[in-house]
PDB file of all heavy atoms in Angstrom:
ATOM      1  N   ILE A   1     -66.891 -11.966 -44.133  1.00  0.00           N
ATOM      2  CA  ILE A   1     -67.850 -13.059 -44.318  1.00  0.00           C
ATOM      3  C   ILE A   1     -67.095 -14.287 -44.818  1.00  0.00           C
ATOM      4  O   ILE A   1     -66.186 -14.186 -45.650  1.00  0.00           O
ATOM      5  CB  ILE A   1     -68.940 -12.667 -45.332  1.00  0.00           C
ATOM      6  CG1 ILE A   1     -69.855 -11.593 -44.740  1.00  0.00           C
ATOM      7  CG2 ILE A   1     -69.770 -13.872 -45.756  1.00  0.00           C
ATOM      8  CD1 ILE A   1     -70.932 -11.107 -45.691  1.00  0.00           C
ATOM      9  N   ALA A   2     -67.473 -15.451 -44.295  1.00  0.00           N
ATOM     10  CA  ALA A   2     -66.996 -16.731 -44.807  1.00  0.00           C
ATOM     11  C   ALA A   2     -68.213 -17.570 -45.177  1.00  0.00           C
ATOM     12  O   ALA A   2     -69.209 -17.576 -44.450  1.00  0.00           O
ATOM     13  CB  ALA A   2     -66.143 -17.446 -43.771  1.00  0.00           C
ATOM     14  N   VAL A   3     -68.133 -18.261 -46.299  1.00  0.00           N
ATOM     15  CA  VAL A   3     -69.266 -19.041 -46.785  1.00  0.00           C
ATOM     16  C   VAL A   3     -68.818 -20.455 -47.125  1.00  0.00           C
ATOM     17  O   VAL A   3     -67.891 -20.645 -47.924  1.00  0.00           O
ATOM     18  CB  VAL A   3     -69.901 -18.394 -48.035  1.00  0.00           C
ATOM     19  CG1 VAL A   3     -71.003 -19.296 -48.601  1.00  0.00           C
ATOM     20  CG2 VAL A   3     -70.462 -17.019 -47.702  1.00  0.00           C
ATOM     21  N   LYS A   4     -69.483 -21.423 -46.537  1.00  0.00           N
ATOM     22  CA  LYS A   4     -69.258 -22.839 -46.867  1.00  0.00           C
ATOM     23  C   LYS A   4     -70.503 -23.337 -47.601  1.00  0.00           C
ATOM     24  O   LYS A   4     -71.624 -23.166 -47.129  1.00  0.00           O
ATOM     25  CB  LYS A   4     -69.048 -23.661 -45.586  1.00  0.00           C
ATOM     26  CG  LYS A   4     -68.766 -25.138 -45.810  1.00  0.00           C
ATOM     27  CD  LYS A   4     -67.399 -25.348 -46.437  1.00  0.00           C
ATOM     28  CE  LYS A   4     -67.032 -26.822 -46.507  1.00  0.00           C
ATOM     29  NZ  LYS A   4     -66.785 -27.413 -45.165  1.00  0.00           N
ATOM     30  N   ILE A   5     -70.305 -23.935 -48.769  1.00  0.00           N
ATOM     31  CA  ILE A   5     -71.420 -24.460 -49.554  1.00  0.00           C
ATOM     32  C   ILE A   5     -71.288 -25.976 -49.629  1.00  0.00           C
ATOM     33  O   ILE A   5     -70.252 -26.501 -50.076  1.00  0.00           O
ATOM     34  CB  ILE A   5     -71.446 -23.859 -50.968  1.00  0.00           C
ATOM     35  CG1 ILE A   5     -71.503 -22.332 -50.898  1.00  0.00           C
ATOM     36  CG2 ILE A   5     -72.648 -24.394 -51.749  1.00  0.00           C
ATOM     37  CD1 ILE A   5     -71.456 -21.654 -52.249  1.00  0.00           C
ATOM     38  N   ASN A   6     -72.305 -26.676 -49.190  1.00  0.00           N
ATOM     39  CA  ASN A   6     -72.328 -28.138 -49.266  1.00  0.00           C
ATOM     40  C   ASN A   6     -73.039 -28.537 -50.556  1.00  0.00           C
ATOM     41  O   ASN A   6     -74.215 -28.237 -50.744  1.00  0.00           O
ATOM     42  CB  ASN A   6     -73.048 -28.726 -48.055  1.00  0.00           C
ATOM     43  CG  ASN A   6     -72.363 -28.348 -46.751  1.00  0.00           C
ATOM     44  OD1 ASN A   6     -71.140 -28.326 -46.668  1.00  0.00           O
ATOM     45  ND2 ASN A   6     -73.156 -28.037 -45.727  1.00  0.00           N
ATOM     46  N   TYR A   7     -72.313 -29.190 -51.451  1.00  0.00           N
ATOM     47  CA  TYR A   7     -72.885 -29.557 -52.743  1.00  0.00           C
ATOM     48  C   TYR A   7     -72.353 -30.932 -53.161  1.00  0.00           C
ATOM     49  O   TYR A   7     -71.368 -31.437 -52.580  1.00  0.00           O
ATOM     50  CB  TYR A   7     -72.565 -28.494 -53.795  1.00  0.00           C
ATOM     51  CG  TYR A   7     -71.104 -28.164 -53.969  1.00  0.00           C
ATOM     52  CD1 TYR A   7     -70.301 -28.867 -54.867  1.00  0.00           C
ATOM     53  CD2 TYR A   7     -70.517 -27.112 -53.265  1.00  0.00           C
ATOM     54  CE1 TYR A   7     -68.965 -28.559 -55.042  1.00  0.00           C
ATOM     55  CE2 TYR A   7     -69.185 -26.792 -53.438  1.00  0.00           C
ATOM     56  CZ  TYR A   7     -68.410 -27.516 -54.331  1.00  0.00           C
ATOM     57  OH  TYR A   7     -67.085 -27.201 -54.497  1.00  0.00           O
ATOM     58  N   PRO A   8     -72.965 -31.568 -54.170  1.00  0.00           N
ATOM     59  CA  PRO A   8     -72.541 -32.913 -54.577  1.00  0.00           C
ATOM     60  C   PRO A   8     -71.055 -32.973 -54.928  1.00  0.00           C
ATOM     61  O   PRO A   8     -70.492 -32.041 -55.504  1.00  0.00           O
ATOM     62  CB  PRO A   8     -73.412 -33.195 -55.808  1.00  0.00           C
ATOM     63  CG  PRO A   8     -74.648 -32.394 -55.567  1.00  0.00           C
ATOM     64  CD  PRO A   8     -74.178 -31.134 -54.895  1.00  0.00           C
ATOM     65  N   ALA A   9     -70.436 -34.085 -54.605  1.00  0.00           N
ATOM     66  CA  ALA A   9     -68.992 -34.232 -54.760  1.00  0.00           C
ATOM     67  C   ALA A   9     -68.545 -34.154 -56.210  1.00  0.00           C
ATOM     68  O   ALA A   9     -67.397 -33.766 -56.493  1.00  0.00           O
ATOM     69  CB  ALA A   9     -68.548 -35.565 -54.147  1.00  0.00           C
ATOM     70  N   ASP A  10     -69.424 -34.497 -57.155  1.00  0.00           N
ATOM     71  CA  ASP A  10     -69.026 -34.477 -58.564  1.00  0.00           C
ATOM     72  C   ASP A  10     -69.274 -33.126 -59.236  1.00  0.00           C
ATOM     73  O   ASP A  10     -69.060 -32.984 -60.439  1.00  0.00           O
ATOM     74  CB  ASP A  10     -69.739 -35.592 -59.338  1.00  0.00           C
ATOM     75  CG  ASP A  10     -71.260 -35.472 -59.273  1.00  0.00           C
ATOM     76  OD1 ASP A  10     -71.764 -34.711 -58.418  1.00  0.00           O
ATOM     77  OD2 ASP A  10     -71.943 -36.154 -60.067  1.00  0.00           O
ATOM     78  N   TRP A  11     -69.734 -32.133 -58.485  1.00  0.00           N
ATOM     79  CA  TRP A  11     -69.935 -30.797 -59.035  1.00  0.00           C
ATOM     80  C   TRP A  11     -68.626 -30.009 -59.021  1.00  0.00           C
ATOM     81  O   TRP A  11     -67.743 -30.235 -58.176  1.00  0.00           O
ATOM     82  CB  TRP A  11     -70.967 -30.023 -58.223  1.00  0.00           C
ATOM     83  CG  TRP A  11     -72.393 -30.387 -58.497  1.00  0.00           C
ATOM     84  CD1 TRP A  11     -72.852 -31.501 -59.142  1.00  0.00           C
ATOM     85  CD2 TRP A  11     -73.538 -29.640 -58.117  1.00  0.00           C
ATOM     86  NE1 TRP A  11     -74.215 -31.492 -59.186  1.00  0.00           N
ATOM     87  CE2 TRP A  11     -74.675 -30.353 -58.560  1.00  0.00           C
ATOM     88  CE3 TRP A  11     -73.737 -28.434 -57.445  1.00  0.00           C
ATOM     89  CZ2 TRP A  11     -75.978 -29.906 -58.357  1.00  0.00           C
ATOM     90  CZ3 TRP A  11     -75.020 -27.984 -57.227  1.00  0.00           C
ATOM     91  CH2 TRP A  11     -76.136 -28.718 -57.690  1.00  0.00           C
ATOM     92  N   LYS A  12     -68.515 -29.055 -59.937  1.00  0.00           N
ATOM     93  CA  LYS A  12     -67.473 -28.044 -59.899  1.00  0.00           C
ATOM     94  C   LYS A  12     -68.093 -26.724 -59.468  1.00  0.00           C
ATOM     95  O   LYS A  12     -69.304 -26.536 -59.592  1.00  0.00           O
ATOM     96  CB  LYS A  12     -66.819 -27.878 -61.277  1.00  0.00           C
ATOM     97  CG  LYS A  12     -66.000 -29.059 -61.745  1.00  0.00           C
ATOM     98  CD  LYS A  12     -65.379 -28.777 -63.109  1.00  0.00           C
ATOM     99  CE  LYS A  12     -64.563 -29.966 -63.592  1.00  0.00           C
ATOM    100  NZ  LYS A  12     -63.986 -29.725 -64.941  1.00  0.00           N
ATOM    101  N   ALA A  13     -67.252 -25.823 -58.987  1.00  0.00           N
ATOM    102  CA  ALA A  13     -67.739 -24.507 -58.570  1.00  0.00           C
ATOM    103  C   ALA A  13     -66.844 -23.430 -59.158  1.00  0.00           C
ATOM    104  O   ALA A  13     -65.611 -23.554 -59.141  1.00  0.00           O
ATOM    105  CB  ALA A  13     -67.770 -24.396 -57.047  1.00  0.00           C
ATOM    106  N   GLY A  14     -67.462 -22.379 -59.695  1.00  0.00           N
ATOM    107  CA  GLY A  14     -66.717 -21.267 -60.248  1.00  0.00           C
ATOM    108  C   GLY A  14     -67.094 -19.966 -59.569  1.00  0.00           C
ATOM    109  O   GLY A  14     -68.278 -19.670 -59.399  1.00  0.00           O
ATOM    110  N   SER A  15     -66.096 -19.175 -59.199  1.00  0.00           N
ATOM    111  CA  SER A  15     -66.335 -17.883 -58.562  1.00  0.00           C
ATOM    112  C   SER A  15     -65.035 -17.101 -58.546  1.00  0.00           C
ATOM    113  O   SER A  15     -63.944 -17.685 -58.598  1.00  0.00           O
ATOM    114  CB  SER A  15     -66.842 -18.057 -57.124  1.00  0.00           C
ATOM    115  OG  SER A  15     -66.993 -16.797 -56.480  1.00  0.00           O
ATOM    116  N   ALA A  16     -65.145 -15.776 -58.464  1.00  0.00           N
ATOM    117  CA  ALA A  16     -63.954 -14.947 -58.307  1.00  0.00           C
ATOM    118  C   ALA A  16     -63.460 -14.946 -56.870  1.00  0.00           C
ATOM    119  O   ALA A  16     -62.347 -14.479 -56.595  1.00  0.00           O
ATOM    120  CB  ALA A  16     -64.247 -13.522 -58.756  1.00  0.00           C
ATOM    121  N   LEU A  17     -64.259 -15.468 -55.942  1.00  0.00           N
ATOM    122  CA  LEU A  17     -63.850 -15.523 -54.545  1.00  0.00           C
ATOM    123  C   LEU A  17     -62.770 -16.580 -54.339  1.00  0.00           C
ATOM    124  O   LEU A  17     -62.753 -17.617 -55.012  1.00  0.00           O
ATOM    125  CB  LEU A  17     -65.049 -15.848 -53.648  1.00  0.00           C
ATOM    126  CG  LEU A  17     -66.125 -14.769 -53.513  1.00  0.00           C
ATOM    127  CD1 LEU A  17     -67.330 -15.337 -52.769  1.00  0.00           C
ATOM    128  CD2 LEU A  17     -65.582 -13.541 -52.796  1.00  0.00           C
ATOM    129  N   GLU A  18     -61.905 -16.334 -53.364  1.00  0.00           N
ATOM    130  CA  GLU A  18     -60.897 -17.315 -52.984  1.00  0.00           C
ATOM    131  C   GLU A  18     -61.439 -18.214 -51.883  1.00  0.00           C
ATOM    132  O   GLU A  18     -62.264 -17.799 -51.069  1.00  0.00           O
ATOM    133  CB  GLU A  18     -59.635 -16.604 -52.484  1.00  0.00           C
ATOM    134  CG  GLU A  18     -58.974 -15.692 -53.504  1.00  0.00           C
ATOM    135  CD  GLU A  18     -58.228 -16.465 -54.583  1.00  0.00           C
ATOM    136  OE1 GLU A  18     -58.109 -17.702 -54.454  1.00  0.00           O
ATOM    137  OE2 GLU A  18     -57.785 -15.830 -55.554  1.00  0.00           O
ATOM    138  N   LYS A  19     -60.957 -19.460 -51.852  1.00  0.00           N
ATOM    139  CA  LYS A  19     -61.308 -20.390 -50.780  1.00  0.00           C
ATOM    140  C   LYS A  19     -60.118 -20.570 -49.846  1.00  0.00           C
ATOM    141  O   LYS A  19     -58.960 -20.540 -50.290  1.00  0.00           O
ATOM    142  CB  LYS A  19     -61.673 -21.761 -51.361  1.00  0.00           C
ATOM    143  CG  LYS A  19     -63.106 -21.938 -51.788  1.00  0.00           C
ATOM    144  CD  LYS A  19     -63.334 -23.391 -52.204  1.00  0.00           C
ATOM    145  CE  LYS A  19     -64.768 -23.639 -52.618  1.00  0.00           C
ATOM    146  NZ  LYS A  19     -64.985 -25.064 -53.004  1.00  0.00           N
ATOM    147  N   ASN A  20     -60.409 -20.803 -48.539  1.00  0.00           N
ATOM    148  CA  ASN A  20     -59.331 -21.169 -47.632  1.00  0.00           C
ATOM    149  C   ASN A  20     -59.175 -22.689 -47.608  1.00  0.00           C
ATOM    150  O   ASN A  20     -59.904 -23.421 -48.299  1.00  0.00           O
ATOM    151  CB  ASN A  20     -59.551 -20.580 -46.239  1.00  0.00           C
ATOM    152  CG  ASN A  20     -60.729 -21.211 -45.511  1.00  0.00           C
ATOM    153  OD1 ASN A  20     -61.371 -22.148 -45.995  1.00  0.00           O
ATOM    154  ND2 ASN A  20     -61.025 -20.692 -44.325  1.00  0.00           N
ATOM    155  N   LYS A  21     -58.245 -23.196 -46.825  1.00  0.00           N
ATOM    156  CA  LYS A  21     -57.957 -24.625 -46.826  1.00  0.00           C
ATOM    157  C   LYS A  21     -59.118 -25.459 -46.297  1.00  0.00           C
ATOM    158  O   LYS A  21     -59.196 -26.671 -46.563  1.00  0.00           O
ATOM    159  CB  LYS A  21     -56.705 -24.907 -45.981  1.00  0.00           C
ATOM    160  CG  LYS A  21     -56.819 -24.514 -44.516  1.00  0.00           C
ATOM    161  CD  LYS A  21     -55.526 -24.768 -43.782  1.00  0.00           C
ATOM    162  CE  LYS A  21     -55.620 -24.355 -42.326  1.00  0.00           C
ATOM    163  NZ  LYS A  21     -56.634 -25.115 -41.576  1.00  0.00           N
ATOM    164  N   ASP A  22     -60.042 -24.839 -45.591  1.00  0.00           N
ATOM    165  CA  ASP A  22     -61.197 -25.555 -45.055  1.00  0.00           C
ATOM    166  C   ASP A  22     -62.405 -25.488 -45.985  1.00  0.00           C
ATOM    167  O   ASP A  22     -63.492 -25.958 -45.634  1.00  0.00           O
ATOM    168  CB  ASP A  22     -61.580 -24.982 -43.682  1.00  0.00           C
ATOM    169  CG  ASP A  22     -60.472 -25.173 -42.655  1.00  0.00           C
ATOM    170  OD1 ASP A  22     -59.898 -26.277 -42.620  1.00  0.00           O
ATOM    171  OD2 ASP A  22     -60.172 -24.225 -41.908  1.00  0.00           O
ATOM    172  N   GLY A  23     -62.230 -24.898 -47.154  1.00  0.00           N
ATOM    173  CA  GLY A  23     -63.309 -24.879 -48.136  1.00  0.00           C
ATOM    174  C   GLY A  23     -64.272 -23.730 -47.999  1.00  0.00           C
ATOM    175  O   GLY A  23     -65.354 -23.747 -48.600  1.00  0.00           O
ATOM    176  N   TYR A  24     -63.920 -22.691 -47.227  1.00  0.00           N
ATOM    177  CA  TYR A  24     -64.783 -21.520 -47.069  1.00  0.00           C
ATOM    178  C   TYR A  24     -64.405 -20.448 -48.104  1.00  0.00           C
ATOM    179  O   TYR A  24     -63.230 -20.109 -48.248  1.00  0.00           O
ATOM    180  CB  TYR A  24     -64.639 -20.919 -45.671  1.00  0.00           C
ATOM    181  CG  TYR A  24     -65.322 -21.704 -44.581  1.00  0.00           C
ATOM    182  CD1 TYR A  24     -64.677 -22.765 -43.955  1.00  0.00           C
ATOM    183  CD2 TYR A  24     -66.613 -21.372 -44.173  1.00  0.00           C
ATOM    184  CE1 TYR A  24     -65.305 -23.487 -42.944  1.00  0.00           C
ATOM    185  CE2 TYR A  24     -67.247 -22.087 -43.161  1.00  0.00           C
ATOM    186  CZ  TYR A  24     -66.579 -23.152 -42.555  1.00  0.00           C
ATOM    187  OH  TYR A  24     -67.213 -23.858 -41.566  1.00  0.00           O
ATOM    188  N   TYR A  25     -65.422 -19.939 -48.799  1.00  0.00           N
ATOM    189  CA  TYR A  25     -65.208 -18.748 -49.612  1.00  0.00           C
ATOM    190  C   TYR A  25     -65.066 -17.551 -48.685  1.00  0.00           C
ATOM    191  O   TYR A  25     -65.827 -17.412 -47.712  1.00  0.00           O
ATOM    192  CB  TYR A  25     -66.384 -18.509 -50.551  1.00  0.00           C
ATOM    193  CG  TYR A  25     -66.478 -19.486 -51.697  1.00  0.00           C
ATOM    194  CD1 TYR A  25     -67.424 -20.510 -51.684  1.00  0.00           C
ATOM    195  CD2 TYR A  25     -65.636 -19.382 -52.800  1.00  0.00           C
ATOM    196  CE1 TYR A  25     -67.516 -21.406 -52.737  1.00  0.00           C
ATOM    197  CE2 TYR A  25     -65.723 -20.276 -53.862  1.00  0.00           C
ATOM    198  CZ  TYR A  25     -66.662 -21.285 -53.823  1.00  0.00           C
ATOM    199  OH  TYR A  25     -66.748 -22.163 -54.866  1.00  0.00           O
ATOM    200  N   LEU A  26     -64.102 -16.669 -48.980  1.00  0.00           N
ATOM    201  CA  LEU A  26     -63.804 -15.545 -48.096  1.00  0.00           C
ATOM    202  C   LEU A  26     -64.106 -14.217 -48.788  1.00  0.00           C
ATOM    203  O   LEU A  26     -63.722 -13.999 -49.937  1.00  0.00           O
ATOM    204  CB  LEU A  26     -62.333 -15.574 -47.688  1.00  0.00           C
ATOM    205  CG  LEU A  26     -61.828 -16.905 -47.094  1.00  0.00           C
ATOM    206  CD1 LEU A  26     -60.347 -16.798 -46.795  1.00  0.00           C
ATOM    207  CD2 LEU A  26     -62.620 -17.275 -45.850  1.00  0.00           C
ATOM    208  N   ALA A  27     -64.795 -13.351 -48.065  1.00  0.00           N
ATOM    209  CA  ALA A  27     -65.091 -12.009 -48.572  1.00  0.00           C
ATOM    210  C   ALA A  27     -64.870 -11.020 -47.444  1.00  0.00           C
ATOM    211  O   ALA A  27     -65.204 -11.302 -46.292  1.00  0.00           O
ATOM    212  CB  ALA A  27     -66.528 -11.924 -49.078  1.00  0.00           C
ATOM    213  N   ASP A  28     -64.329  -9.852 -47.773  1.00  0.00           N
ATOM    214  CA  ASP A  28     -64.017  -8.892 -46.715  1.00  0.00           C
ATOM    215  C   ASP A  28     -65.213  -8.064 -46.281  1.00  0.00           C
ATOM    216  O   ASP A  28     -65.101  -7.269 -45.355  1.00  0.00           O
ATOM    217  CB  ASP A  28     -62.858  -7.977 -47.131  1.00  0.00           C
ATOM    218  CG  ASP A  28     -63.135  -7.233 -48.427  1.00  0.00           C
ATOM    219  OD1 ASP A  28     -64.261  -7.340 -48.951  1.00  0.00           O
ATOM    220  OD2 ASP A  28     -62.215  -6.545 -48.916  1.00  0.00           O
ATOM    221  N   SER A  29     -66.369  -8.255 -46.951  1.00  0.00           N
ATOM    222  CA  SER A  29     -67.569  -7.498 -46.576  1.00  0.00           C
ATOM    223  C   SER A  29     -68.774  -8.103 -47.270  1.00  0.00           C
ATOM    224  O   SER A  29     -68.646  -8.943 -48.175  1.00  0.00           O
ATOM    225  CB  SER A  29     -67.431  -6.024 -46.997  1.00  0.00           C
ATOM    226  OG  SER A  29     -67.404  -5.931 -48.414  1.00  0.00           O
ATOM    227  N   TYR A  30     -69.954  -7.656 -46.868  1.00  0.00           N
ATOM    228  CA  TYR A  30     -71.178  -8.071 -47.551  1.00  0.00           C
ATOM    229  C   TYR A  30     -71.167  -7.587 -48.993  1.00  0.00           C
ATOM    230  O   TYR A  30     -71.599  -8.317 -49.903  1.00  0.00           O
ATOM    231  CB  TYR A  30     -72.393  -7.510 -46.807  1.00  0.00           C
ATOM    232  CG  TYR A  30     -73.721  -7.911 -47.422  1.00  0.00           C
ATOM    233  CD1 TYR A  30     -74.233  -9.192 -47.231  1.00  0.00           C
ATOM    234  CD2 TYR A  30     -74.457  -7.018 -48.190  1.00  0.00           C
ATOM    235  CE1 TYR A  30     -75.445  -9.574 -47.785  1.00  0.00           C
ATOM    236  CE2 TYR A  30     -75.664  -7.382 -48.753  1.00  0.00           C
ATOM    237  CZ  TYR A  30     -76.158  -8.658 -48.540  1.00  0.00           C
ATOM    238  OH  TYR A  30     -77.351  -9.020 -49.116  1.00  0.00           O
ATOM    239  N   ASP A  31     -70.652  -6.387 -49.224  1.00  0.00           N
ATOM    240  CA  ASP A  31     -70.582  -5.868 -50.589  1.00  0.00           C
ATOM    241  C   ASP A  31     -69.805  -6.811 -51.497  1.00  0.00           C
ATOM    242  O   ASP A  31     -70.184  -7.043 -52.653  1.00  0.00           O
ATOM    243  CB  ASP A  31     -69.919  -4.492 -50.594  1.00  0.00           C
ATOM    244  CG  ASP A  31     -70.723  -3.447 -49.851  1.00  0.00           C
ATOM    245  OD1 ASP A  31     -70.903  -3.608 -48.626  1.00  0.00           O
ATOM    246  OD2 ASP A  31     -71.170  -2.470 -50.473  1.00  0.00           O
ATOM    247  N   ARG A  32     -68.718  -7.378 -50.970  1.00  0.00           N
ATOM    248  CA  ARG A  32     -67.886  -8.262 -51.797  1.00  0.00           C
ATOM    249  C   ARG A  32     -68.605  -9.584 -52.076  1.00  0.00           C
ATOM    250  O   ARG A  32     -68.482 -10.129 -53.179  1.00  0.00           O
ATOM    251  CB  ARG A  32     -66.547  -8.523 -51.105  1.00  0.00           C
ATOM    252  CG  ARG A  32     -65.606  -9.416 -51.925  1.00  0.00           C
ATOM    253  CD  ARG A  32     -65.199  -8.773 -53.237  1.00  0.00           C
ATOM    254  NE  ARG A  32     -64.497  -9.686 -54.118  1.00  0.00           N
ATOM    255  CZ  ARG A  32     -63.200  -9.961 -54.063  1.00  0.00           C
ATOM    256  NH1 ARG A  32     -62.449  -9.381 -53.129  1.00  0.00           N
ATOM    257  NH2 ARG A  32     -62.644 -10.787 -54.911  1.00  0.00           N
ATOM    258  N   ILE A  33     -69.357 -10.103 -51.134  1.00  0.00           N
ATOM    259  CA  ILE A  33     -70.058 -11.368 -51.388  1.00  0.00           C
ATOM    260  C   ILE A  33     -71.158 -11.145 -52.426  1.00  0.00           C
ATOM    261  O   ILE A  33     -71.433 -12.004 -53.264  1.00  0.00           O
ATOM    262  CB  ILE A  33     -70.628 -11.967 -50.081  1.00  0.00           C
ATOM    263  CG1 ILE A  33     -70.811 -13.498 -50.222  1.00  0.00           C
ATOM    264  CG2 ILE A  33     -71.945 -11.365 -49.670  1.00  0.00           C
ATOM    265  CD1 ILE A  33     -69.550 -14.277 -50.189  1.00  0.00           C
ATOM    266  N   VAL A  34     -71.773  -9.961 -52.419  1.00  0.00           N
ATOM    267  CA  VAL A  34     -72.773  -9.632 -53.437  1.00  0.00           C
ATOM    268  C   VAL A  34     -72.100  -9.447 -54.792  1.00  0.00           C
ATOM    269  O   VAL A  34     -72.683  -9.755 -55.836  1.00  0.00           O
ATOM    270  CB  VAL A  34     -73.546  -8.357 -53.036  1.00  0.00           C
ATOM    271  CG1 VAL A  34     -74.443  -7.874 -54.167  1.00  0.00           C
ATOM    272  CG2 VAL A  34     -74.375  -8.622 -51.785  1.00  0.00           C
ATOM    273  N   ASP A  35     -70.884  -8.982 -54.770  1.00  0.00           N
ATOM    274  CA  ASP A  35     -70.127  -8.703 -55.994  1.00  0.00           C
ATOM    275  C   ASP A  35     -69.496  -9.962 -56.599  1.00  0.00           C
ATOM    276  O   ASP A  35     -68.779  -9.872 -57.588  1.00  0.00           O
ATOM    277  CB  ASP A  35     -69.019  -7.697 -55.667  1.00  0.00           C
ATOM    278  CG  ASP A  35     -68.414  -7.062 -56.903  1.00  0.00           C
ATOM    279  OD1 ASP A  35     -69.125  -6.912 -57.916  1.00  0.00           O
ATOM    280  OD2 ASP A  35     -67.213  -6.716 -56.858  1.00  0.00           O
ATOM    281  N   SER A  36     -69.790 -11.131 -56.013  1.00  0.00           N
ATOM    282  CA  SER A  36     -69.076 -12.354 -56.415  1.00  0.00           C
ATOM    283  C   SER A  36     -70.033 -13.535 -56.565  1.00  0.00           C
ATOM    284  O   SER A  36     -70.166 -14.358 -55.657  1.00  0.00           O
ATOM    285  CB  SER A  36     -68.005 -12.684 -55.374  1.00  0.00           C
ATOM    286  OG  SER A  36     -67.157 -11.580 -55.141  1.00  0.00           O
ATOM    287  N   PRO A  37     -70.727 -13.659 -57.700  1.00  0.00           N
ATOM    288  CA  PRO A  37     -71.628 -14.790 -57.903  1.00  0.00           C
ATOM    289  C   PRO A  37     -70.865 -16.120 -57.920  1.00  0.00           C
ATOM    290  O   PRO A  37     -69.659 -16.153 -58.210  1.00  0.00           O
ATOM    291  CB  PRO A  37     -72.262 -14.497 -59.262  1.00  0.00           C
ATOM    292  CG  PRO A  37     -71.274 -13.625 -59.962  1.00  0.00           C
ATOM    293  CD  PRO A  37     -70.648 -12.787 -58.895  1.00  0.00           C
ATOM    294  N   ILE A  38     -71.599 -17.184 -57.637  1.00  0.00           N
ATOM    295  CA  ILE A  38     -71.015 -18.529 -57.612  1.00  0.00           C
ATOM    296  C   ILE A  38     -71.883 -19.437 -58.478  1.00  0.00           C
ATOM    297  O   ILE A  38     -73.097 -19.535 -58.264  1.00  0.00           O
ATOM    298  CB  ILE A  38     -70.938 -19.086 -56.174  1.00  0.00           C
ATOM    299  CG1 ILE A  38     -70.172 -18.113 -55.269  1.00  0.00           C
ATOM    300  CG2 ILE A  38     -70.274 -20.458 -56.161  1.00  0.00           C
ATOM    301  CD1 ILE A  38     -70.245 -18.468 -53.788  1.00  0.00           C
ATOM    302  N   LEU A  39     -71.274 -20.071 -59.455  1.00  0.00           N
ATOM    303  CA  LEU A  39     -71.959 -21.041 -60.311  1.00  0.00           C
ATOM    304  C   LEU A  39     -71.413 -22.423 -59.982  1.00  0.00           C
ATOM    305  O   LEU A  39     -70.188 -22.624 -59.962  1.00  0.00           O
ATOM    306  CB  LEU A  39     -71.723 -20.709 -61.785  1.00  0.00           C
ATOM    307  CG  LEU A  39     -72.383 -21.627 -62.816  1.00  0.00           C
ATOM    308  CD1 LEU A  39     -73.907 -21.536 -62.736  1.00  0.00           C
ATOM    309  CD2 LEU A  39     -71.912 -21.267 -64.236  1.00  0.00           C
TER     310      LEU A  39
END
């Protein structure tokens, strides 16, 4: 799974997930995306 979140430019984002150079959060399965909240 890859996830791109569009949010205001002045926001920060925290998560245990890694991002690729295009700004997508990467998870190897649905279980991992559930296991990784994003604030």
